[in-house]
């Protein structure tokens, strides 16, 4: 009888930066603002360090280092995109501290980026964090405001 009812699992996401949350609809890119890639939150960073928002496996570090893909043990696929139109920077100002197939814990350092350079060369410094396989998500709850990498910003029911 106990096997009939699966307990709901919740995955807690921490902020990937020191800064503040921004609603996705505020991101100056229709793909992110329209939630065409997935749902989540964006962040306005105060400094150029990106931390893992959730314990997960690094699936992909884009060659230009402007984005990273993660997968949690629960199967959530996460895309973190540093800035808007930063692919045009071709890796300039980005440093990766991780590699594919590496497991990271929430709060581990993933990337370094030159925030001033992004502000000068890209459309925006905002960092969208998206769950790209929303079919795996039953419920999302956001916790907006000022954040650090220890701040819970999203709870996901899977």
N, C-alpha and C. Protein backbone atom coordinates (compact mmCIF):
# COMPACT_ATOMS: atom_id res chain seq x y z
N UNK A 1 0.81 -1.20 0.00
CA UNK A 1 0.00 0.00 0.00
C UNK A 1 0.86 1.27 0.00
N UNK A 2 2.00 1.22 0.68
CA UNK A 2 2.84 2.41 0.76
C UNK A 2 3.38 2.85 -0.60
N UNK A 3 3.59 1.91 -1.50
CA UNK A 3 4.15 2.24 -2.81
C UNK A 3 3.19 2.96 -3.73
N UNK A 4 1.91 3.03 -3.38
CA UNK A 4 0.92 3.67 -4.24
C UNK A 4 1.06 5.18 -4.29
N UNK A 5 1.53 5.77 -3.21
CA UNK A 5 1.60 7.22 -3.13
C UNK A 5 3.06 7.67 -3.16
N UNK A 6 3.41 8.37 -4.25
CA UNK A 6 4.76 8.91 -4.34
C UNK A 6 4.77 10.25 -3.61
N UNK A 7 5.76 10.41 -2.75
CA UNK A 7 5.89 11.71 -2.07
C UNK A 7 6.41 12.74 -3.06
N UNK A 8 5.83 13.92 -2.99
CA UNK A 8 6.29 15.01 -3.87
C UNK A 8 7.71 15.39 -3.48
N UNK A 9 8.53 15.67 -4.47
CA UNK A 9 9.89 16.11 -4.23
C UNK A 9 9.97 17.60 -4.53
N UNK A 10 10.72 18.29 -3.71
CA UNK A 10 10.95 19.72 -3.92
C UNK A 10 12.44 19.95 -4.13
N UNK A 11 12.75 20.78 -5.09
CA UNK A 11 14.14 21.15 -5.35
C UNK A 11 14.25 22.64 -5.04
N UNK A 12 15.21 22.98 -4.19
CA UNK A 12 15.39 24.36 -3.78
C UNK A 12 16.55 24.98 -4.57
N UNK A 13 16.29 26.13 -5.16
CA UNK A 13 17.32 26.85 -5.91
C UNK A 13 17.79 28.05 -5.10
N UNK A 14 19.10 28.24 -5.05
CA UNK A 14 19.70 29.40 -4.41
C UNK A 14 20.04 30.43 -5.50
N UNK A 15 20.31 31.65 -5.09
CA UNK A 15 20.70 32.68 -6.05
C UNK A 15 22.08 32.35 -6.62
N UNK A 16 22.29 32.58 -7.91
CA UNK A 16 23.59 32.29 -8.52
C UNK A 16 24.59 33.44 -8.37
N UNK A 17 24.14 34.56 -7.81
CA UNK A 17 25.00 35.75 -7.69
C UNK A 17 24.61 36.53 -6.43
N UNK A 18 25.47 37.47 -6.08
CA UNK A 18 25.09 38.52 -5.13
C UNK A 18 24.41 39.58 -5.96
N UNK A 19 23.22 39.99 -5.55
CA UNK A 19 22.50 40.99 -6.33
C UNK A 19 21.03 41.00 -5.98
N UNK A 20 20.18 41.05 -7.02
CA UNK A 20 18.74 41.03 -6.77
C UNK A 20 18.03 40.29 -7.89
N UNK A 21 16.83 39.80 -7.58
CA UNK A 21 16.04 39.08 -8.57
C UNK A 21 15.33 40.07 -9.49
N UNK A 22 15.07 39.60 -10.71
CA UNK A 22 14.34 40.38 -11.71
C UNK A 22 13.38 39.40 -12.40
N UNK A 23 12.15 39.80 -12.58
CA UNK A 23 11.17 38.96 -13.28
C UNK A 23 11.63 38.74 -14.72
N UNK A 24 11.45 37.53 -15.21
CA UNK A 24 11.87 37.22 -16.60
C UNK A 24 11.28 38.17 -17.63
N UNK A 25 10.06 38.65 -17.40
CA UNK A 25 9.45 39.55 -18.39
C UNK A 25 10.21 40.87 -18.53
N UNK A 26 11.10 41.16 -17.57
CA UNK A 26 11.92 42.38 -17.62
C UNK A 26 13.19 42.19 -18.44
N UNK A 27 13.51 40.95 -18.82
CA UNK A 27 14.74 40.68 -19.56
C UNK A 27 14.59 41.19 -21.00
N UNK A 28 15.55 42.02 -21.48
CA UNK A 28 15.43 42.61 -22.81
C UNK A 28 15.78 41.62 -23.94
N UNK A 29 15.10 40.49 -23.94
CA UNK A 29 15.27 39.47 -24.98
C UNK A 29 13.98 38.67 -25.01
N UNK A 30 13.31 38.65 -26.17
CA UNK A 30 11.97 38.04 -26.25
C UNK A 30 11.98 36.55 -25.98
N UNK A 31 13.08 35.87 -26.25
CA UNK A 31 13.15 34.43 -25.99
C UNK A 31 13.07 34.16 -24.48
N UNK A 32 13.80 34.95 -23.69
CA UNK A 32 13.77 34.77 -22.23
C UNK A 32 12.49 35.36 -21.64
N UNK A 33 12.17 36.60 -22.03
CA UNK A 33 10.99 37.28 -21.49
C UNK A 33 9.70 36.53 -21.81
N UNK A 34 9.65 35.89 -22.98
CA UNK A 34 8.47 35.14 -23.40
C UNK A 34 8.45 33.71 -22.88
N UNK A 35 9.48 33.37 -22.10
CA UNK A 35 9.61 32.02 -21.51
C UNK A 35 9.59 30.93 -22.58
N UNK A 36 10.18 31.23 -23.74
CA UNK A 36 10.22 30.28 -24.85
C UNK A 36 11.20 29.14 -24.60
N UNK A 37 12.22 29.39 -23.78
CA UNK A 37 13.23 28.38 -23.48
C UNK A 37 12.88 27.65 -22.18
N UNK A 38 12.15 28.32 -21.29
CA UNK A 38 11.79 27.75 -20.00
C UNK A 38 11.38 28.84 -19.04
N UNK A 39 11.09 28.45 -17.81
CA UNK A 39 10.65 29.40 -16.79
C UNK A 39 11.69 29.48 -15.69
N UNK A 40 11.70 30.60 -14.99
CA UNK A 40 12.65 30.79 -13.90
C UNK A 40 12.69 32.24 -13.49
N UNK A 41 13.88 32.69 -13.15
CA UNK A 41 14.11 34.05 -12.68
C UNK A 41 15.35 34.62 -13.37
N UNK A 42 15.44 35.93 -13.38
CA UNK A 42 16.67 36.58 -13.83
C UNK A 42 17.28 37.29 -12.61
N UNK A 43 18.55 37.58 -12.72
CA UNK A 43 19.27 38.21 -11.61
C UNK A 43 20.11 39.37 -12.12
N UNK A 44 20.13 40.45 -11.33
CA UNK A 44 20.98 41.60 -11.61
C UNK A 44 22.21 41.45 -10.70
N UNK A 45 23.35 41.06 -11.28
CA UNK A 45 24.53 40.80 -10.45
C UNK A 45 25.22 42.07 -9.96
N UNK A 46 25.81 41.97 -8.76
CA UNK A 46 26.59 43.09 -8.22
C UNK A 46 28.07 42.88 -8.44
N UNK A 47 28.47 41.63 -8.74
CA UNK A 47 29.88 41.32 -8.99
C UNK A 47 29.97 40.17 -9.98
N UNK A 48 31.16 39.95 -10.52
CA UNK A 48 31.34 39.00 -11.60
C UNK A 48 31.66 37.58 -11.20
N UNK A 49 30.86 37.00 -10.32
CA UNK A 49 31.05 35.60 -9.94
C UNK A 49 29.70 34.90 -10.01
N UNK A 50 29.68 33.75 -10.71
CA UNK A 50 28.47 32.94 -10.83
C UNK A 50 28.63 31.68 -10.00
N UNK A 51 27.62 31.40 -9.16
CA UNK A 51 27.63 30.23 -8.30
C UNK A 51 26.55 29.24 -8.74
N UNK A 52 26.75 27.98 -8.43
CA UNK A 52 25.74 26.97 -8.75
C UNK A 52 24.48 27.24 -7.92
N UNK A 53 23.32 27.36 -8.58
CA UNK A 53 22.09 27.62 -7.84
C UNK A 53 21.50 26.36 -7.20
N UNK A 54 22.00 25.20 -7.63
CA UNK A 54 21.43 23.94 -7.18
C UNK A 54 22.49 22.85 -7.35
N UNK A 55 22.47 21.84 -6.49
CA UNK A 55 23.39 20.72 -6.65
C UNK A 55 23.02 19.99 -7.93
N UNK A 56 24.01 19.76 -8.79
CA UNK A 56 23.71 19.24 -10.13
C UNK A 56 24.97 18.81 -10.84
N UNK A 57 24.75 18.20 -12.01
CA UNK A 57 25.86 17.85 -12.90
C UNK A 57 25.98 18.93 -13.96
N UNK A 58 27.21 19.32 -14.26
CA UNK A 58 27.45 20.25 -15.35
C UNK A 58 27.29 19.45 -16.64
N UNK A 59 26.32 19.83 -17.45
CA UNK A 59 26.05 19.13 -18.70
C UNK A 59 26.82 19.79 -19.84
N UNK A 60 26.83 21.12 -19.84
CA UNK A 60 27.48 21.84 -20.93
C UNK A 60 28.01 23.18 -20.44
N UNK A 61 29.22 23.50 -20.86
CA UNK A 61 29.76 24.85 -20.74
C UNK A 61 29.89 25.33 -22.18
N UNK A 62 29.13 26.34 -22.55
CA UNK A 62 29.16 26.81 -23.93
C UNK A 62 30.58 27.25 -24.29
N UNK A 63 31.03 27.02 -25.52
CA UNK A 63 32.40 27.38 -25.92
C UNK A 63 32.73 28.85 -25.65
N UNK A 64 31.73 29.72 -25.76
CA UNK A 64 31.94 31.15 -25.51
C UNK A 64 31.83 31.49 -24.02
N UNK A 65 31.57 30.49 -23.19
CA UNK A 65 31.50 30.60 -21.72
C UNK A 65 30.43 31.57 -21.21
N UNK A 66 29.52 32.00 -22.08
CA UNK A 66 28.47 32.93 -21.66
C UNK A 66 27.26 32.20 -21.06
N UNK A 67 27.26 30.86 -21.14
CA UNK A 67 26.12 30.09 -20.65
C UNK A 67 26.60 28.72 -20.19
N UNK A 68 25.78 28.12 -19.31
CA UNK A 68 26.12 26.82 -18.76
C UNK A 68 24.84 26.03 -18.57
N UNK A 69 24.90 24.74 -18.84
CA UNK A 69 23.75 23.86 -18.66
C UNK A 69 24.01 22.89 -17.52
N UNK A 70 23.01 22.71 -16.67
CA UNK A 70 23.11 21.83 -15.50
C UNK A 70 21.94 20.84 -15.51
N UNK A 71 22.10 19.70 -14.82
CA UNK A 71 20.99 18.76 -14.63
C UNK A 71 21.02 18.26 -13.19
N UNK A 72 19.89 18.42 -12.49
CA UNK A 72 19.80 17.97 -11.10
C UNK A 72 19.56 16.46 -11.06
N UNK A 73 19.79 15.85 -9.90
CA UNK A 73 19.55 14.41 -9.78
C UNK A 73 18.06 14.07 -9.95
N UNK A 74 17.19 15.07 -9.75
CA UNK A 74 15.75 14.88 -9.97
C UNK A 74 15.37 14.99 -11.45
N UNK A 75 16.34 15.35 -12.30
CA UNK A 75 16.10 15.44 -13.73
C UNK A 75 15.77 16.82 -14.26
N UNK A 76 15.83 17.85 -13.41
CA UNK A 76 15.58 19.21 -13.90
C UNK A 76 16.77 19.68 -14.73
N UNK A 77 16.46 20.23 -15.89
CA UNK A 77 17.50 20.77 -16.77
C UNK A 77 17.51 22.29 -16.64
N UNK A 78 18.67 22.83 -16.32
CA UNK A 78 18.79 24.24 -15.98
C UNK A 78 19.76 24.93 -16.93
N UNK A 79 19.34 26.08 -17.46
CA UNK A 79 20.20 26.90 -18.30
C UNK A 79 20.47 28.21 -17.56
N UNK A 80 21.74 28.56 -17.44
CA UNK A 80 22.13 29.85 -16.87
C UNK A 80 22.82 30.62 -17.98
N UNK A 81 22.31 31.82 -18.27
CA UNK A 81 22.82 32.63 -19.37
C UNK A 81 23.36 33.93 -18.77
N UNK A 82 24.67 34.15 -18.86
CA UNK A 82 25.29 35.34 -18.27
C UNK A 82 25.17 36.51 -19.23
N UNK A 83 24.29 37.44 -18.91
CA UNK A 83 24.08 38.62 -19.75
C UNK A 83 23.24 38.31 -20.98
N UNK A 84 22.88 39.35 -21.69
CA UNK A 84 22.07 39.23 -22.91
C UNK A 84 22.91 39.67 -24.10
N UNK A 85 22.92 38.84 -25.14
CA UNK A 85 23.74 39.04 -26.34
C UNK A 85 25.24 38.94 -26.05
N UNK A 86 25.60 38.21 -25.01
CA UNK A 86 27.01 38.04 -24.64
C UNK A 86 27.71 36.99 -25.51
N UNK A 87 26.96 36.22 -26.26
CA UNK A 87 27.58 35.26 -27.19
C UNK A 87 28.47 36.01 -28.17
N UNK A 88 28.09 37.26 -28.47
CA UNK A 88 28.87 38.10 -29.40
C UNK A 88 30.26 38.43 -28.85
N UNK A 89 30.45 38.28 -27.55
CA UNK A 89 31.74 38.59 -26.92
C UNK A 89 32.76 37.47 -27.14
N UNK A 90 32.30 36.34 -27.64
CA UNK A 90 33.16 35.20 -27.99
C UNK A 90 34.10 34.78 -26.86
N UNK A 91 33.59 34.78 -25.65
CA UNK A 91 34.39 34.30 -24.51
C UNK A 91 35.21 35.36 -23.81
N UNK A 92 35.32 36.56 -24.41
CA UNK A 92 36.11 37.62 -23.79
C UNK A 92 35.48 38.02 -22.45
N UNK A 93 36.29 38.00 -21.41
CA UNK A 93 35.82 38.41 -20.09
C UNK A 93 35.17 37.30 -19.27
N UNK A 94 35.18 36.06 -19.78
CA UNK A 94 34.58 34.93 -19.06
C UNK A 94 35.63 33.89 -18.69
N UNK A 95 35.52 33.33 -17.50
CA UNK A 95 36.39 32.26 -17.04
C UNK A 95 35.53 31.15 -16.45
N UNK A 96 35.71 29.94 -16.95
CA UNK A 96 34.96 28.80 -16.43
C UNK A 96 35.78 28.08 -15.37
N UNK A 97 35.14 27.73 -14.27
CA UNK A 97 35.81 26.98 -13.20
C UNK A 97 35.35 25.52 -13.18
N UNK A 98 34.49 25.14 -14.12
CA UNK A 98 33.94 23.78 -14.14
C UNK A 98 34.02 23.20 -15.55
N UNK A 99 33.73 21.91 -15.65
CA UNK A 99 33.75 21.23 -16.95
C UNK A 99 32.59 20.23 -17.00
N UNK A 100 32.17 19.84 -18.21
CA UNK A 100 31.08 18.87 -18.34
C UNK A 100 31.37 17.57 -17.58
N UNK A 101 30.31 16.97 -17.06
CA UNK A 101 30.31 15.73 -16.28
C UNK A 101 30.76 15.95 -14.83
N UNK A 102 31.08 17.18 -14.47
CA UNK A 102 31.47 17.49 -13.10
C UNK A 102 30.22 17.72 -12.25
N UNK A 103 30.21 17.20 -11.02
CA UNK A 103 29.10 17.45 -10.10
C UNK A 103 29.45 18.64 -9.23
N UNK A 104 28.49 19.53 -9.04
CA UNK A 104 28.68 20.71 -8.20
C UNK A 104 27.58 20.75 -7.14
N UNK A 105 27.90 21.40 -6.04
CA UNK A 105 26.91 21.63 -4.98
C UNK A 105 26.42 23.07 -5.09
N UNK A 106 25.20 23.31 -4.62
CA UNK A 106 24.69 24.68 -4.58
C UNK A 106 25.71 25.55 -3.85
N UNK A 107 26.08 26.67 -4.45
CA UNK A 107 27.04 27.58 -3.84
C UNK A 107 28.46 27.43 -4.38
N UNK A 108 28.73 26.35 -5.13
CA UNK A 108 30.06 26.20 -5.73
C UNK A 108 30.25 27.24 -6.83
N UNK A 109 31.48 27.71 -6.98
CA UNK A 109 31.79 28.70 -8.01
C UNK A 109 31.80 28.03 -9.38
N UNK A 110 31.01 28.58 -10.33
CA UNK A 110 30.93 28.04 -11.69
C UNK A 110 31.75 28.84 -12.69
N UNK A 111 31.59 30.17 -12.63
CA UNK A 111 32.18 31.04 -13.63
C UNK A 111 32.60 32.37 -13.02
N UNK A 112 33.56 32.98 -13.68
CA UNK A 112 33.90 34.36 -13.39
C UNK A 112 33.59 35.15 -14.65
N UNK A 113 33.17 36.39 -14.49
CA UNK A 113 32.87 37.22 -15.66
C UNK A 113 33.14 38.68 -15.33
N UNK A 114 33.56 39.41 -16.35
CA UNK A 114 33.88 40.83 -16.20
C UNK A 114 32.59 41.62 -16.36
N UNK A 115 31.99 41.97 -15.24
CA UNK A 115 30.70 42.66 -15.23
C UNK A 115 30.76 43.99 -15.97
N UNK A 116 31.84 44.73 -15.79
CA UNK A 116 31.99 46.03 -16.46
C UNK A 116 32.08 45.86 -17.98
N UNK A 117 32.82 44.85 -18.42
CA UNK A 117 32.95 44.58 -19.85
C UNK A 117 31.60 44.18 -20.46
N UNK A 118 30.84 43.36 -19.74
CA UNK A 118 29.51 42.96 -20.22
C UNK A 118 28.61 44.19 -20.31
N UNK A 119 28.68 45.07 -19.31
CA UNK A 119 27.87 46.30 -19.32
C UNK A 119 28.21 47.16 -20.54
N UNK A 120 29.48 47.16 -20.93
CA UNK A 120 29.92 47.97 -22.07
C UNK A 120 29.59 47.33 -23.42
N UNK A 121 29.73 46.01 -23.53
CA UNK A 121 29.67 45.35 -24.83
C UNK A 121 28.36 44.61 -25.13
N UNK A 122 27.57 44.29 -24.11
CA UNK A 122 26.36 43.49 -24.34
C UNK A 122 25.10 44.32 -24.13
N UNK A 123 23.97 43.72 -24.45
CA UNK A 123 22.69 44.41 -24.32
C UNK A 123 22.29 44.59 -22.85
N UNK A 124 22.65 43.61 -21.99
CA UNK A 124 22.26 43.66 -20.59
C UNK A 124 23.17 42.76 -19.77
N UNK A 125 23.29 43.08 -18.48
CA UNK A 125 24.06 42.24 -17.55
C UNK A 125 23.17 41.23 -16.83
N UNK A 126 21.86 41.25 -17.09
CA UNK A 126 20.95 40.33 -16.41
C UNK A 126 21.30 38.87 -16.70
N UNK A 127 21.09 38.02 -15.71
CA UNK A 127 21.42 36.60 -15.81
C UNK A 127 20.15 35.77 -15.63
N UNK A 128 19.54 35.29 -16.73
CA UNK A 128 18.40 34.38 -16.59
C UNK A 128 18.85 33.00 -16.13
N UNK A 129 18.09 32.42 -15.20
CA UNK A 129 18.27 31.04 -14.75
C UNK A 129 16.95 30.34 -15.04
N UNK A 130 16.99 29.40 -15.98
CA UNK A 130 15.75 28.79 -16.47
C UNK A 130 15.73 27.28 -16.29
N UNK A 131 14.55 26.76 -16.01
CA UNK A 131 14.34 25.32 -16.08
C UNK A 131 13.81 25.09 -17.49
N UNK A 132 14.56 24.33 -18.30
CA UNK A 132 14.21 24.19 -19.71
C UNK A 132 13.28 23.02 -19.99
N UNK A 133 13.16 22.10 -19.05
CA UNK A 133 12.22 20.98 -19.25
C UNK A 133 11.04 21.14 -18.29
N UNK A 134 10.22 22.15 -18.57
CA UNK A 134 9.10 22.49 -17.69
C UNK A 134 8.05 21.38 -17.58
N UNK A 135 8.08 20.42 -18.51
CA UNK A 135 7.16 19.28 -18.41
C UNK A 135 7.44 18.45 -17.16
N UNK A 136 8.64 18.56 -16.59
CA UNK A 136 9.00 17.83 -15.38
C UNK A 136 8.57 18.57 -14.10
N UNK A 137 8.08 19.80 -14.26
CA UNK A 137 7.75 20.66 -13.11
C UNK A 137 6.25 20.66 -12.85
N UNK A 138 5.90 20.39 -11.59
CA UNK A 138 4.49 20.45 -11.19
C UNK A 138 4.12 21.85 -10.69
N UNK A 139 5.09 22.51 -10.04
CA UNK A 139 4.81 23.80 -9.41
C UNK A 139 6.12 24.54 -9.19
N UNK A 140 6.08 25.86 -9.38
CA UNK A 140 7.23 26.74 -9.16
C UNK A 140 6.84 27.85 -8.20
N UNK A 141 7.67 28.13 -7.22
CA UNK A 141 7.42 29.27 -6.33
C UNK A 141 8.68 30.12 -6.29
N UNK A 142 8.51 31.44 -6.49
CA UNK A 142 9.63 32.36 -6.52
C UNK A 142 9.69 33.18 -5.23
N UNK A 143 10.92 33.55 -4.83
CA UNK A 143 11.16 34.38 -3.66
C UNK A 143 12.00 35.58 -4.10
N UNK A 144 11.35 36.65 -4.56
CA UNK A 144 12.08 37.80 -5.10
C UNK A 144 12.73 38.67 -4.02
N UNK A 145 13.68 39.49 -4.48
CA UNK A 145 14.31 40.47 -3.58
C UNK A 145 15.82 40.50 -3.73
N UNK A 146 16.46 41.09 -2.73
CA UNK A 146 17.92 41.17 -2.67
C UNK A 146 18.43 39.79 -2.28
N UNK A 147 19.52 39.33 -2.91
CA UNK A 147 19.95 37.95 -2.71
C UNK A 147 21.46 37.79 -2.58
N UNK A 148 21.85 36.69 -1.96
CA UNK A 148 23.24 36.20 -1.94
C UNK A 148 23.16 34.74 -2.37
N UNK A 149 24.31 34.10 -2.62
CA UNK A 149 24.26 32.69 -3.02
C UNK A 149 23.69 31.75 -1.94
N UNK A 150 23.41 32.24 -0.77
CA UNK A 150 22.77 31.43 0.27
C UNK A 150 21.25 31.65 0.34
N UNK A 151 20.74 32.58 -0.46
CA UNK A 151 19.33 32.92 -0.44
C UNK A 151 18.53 31.96 -1.32
N UNK A 152 17.46 31.38 -0.77
CA UNK A 152 16.57 30.56 -1.58
C UNK A 152 15.73 31.50 -2.46
N UNK A 153 15.75 31.24 -3.77
CA UNK A 153 15.05 32.12 -4.70
C UNK A 153 13.91 31.39 -5.43
N UNK A 154 13.94 30.04 -5.39
CA UNK A 154 12.94 29.29 -6.12
C UNK A 154 12.80 27.90 -5.49
N UNK A 155 11.54 27.46 -5.35
CA UNK A 155 11.27 26.08 -4.94
C UNK A 155 10.47 25.44 -6.07
N UNK A 156 10.91 24.26 -6.47
CA UNK A 156 10.32 23.57 -7.60
C UNK A 156 9.78 22.22 -7.13
N UNK A 157 8.50 22.00 -7.39
CA UNK A 157 7.91 20.70 -7.09
C UNK A 157 8.01 19.85 -8.35
N UNK A 158 8.61 18.66 -8.19
CA UNK A 158 8.76 17.75 -9.35
C UNK A 158 7.96 16.48 -9.14
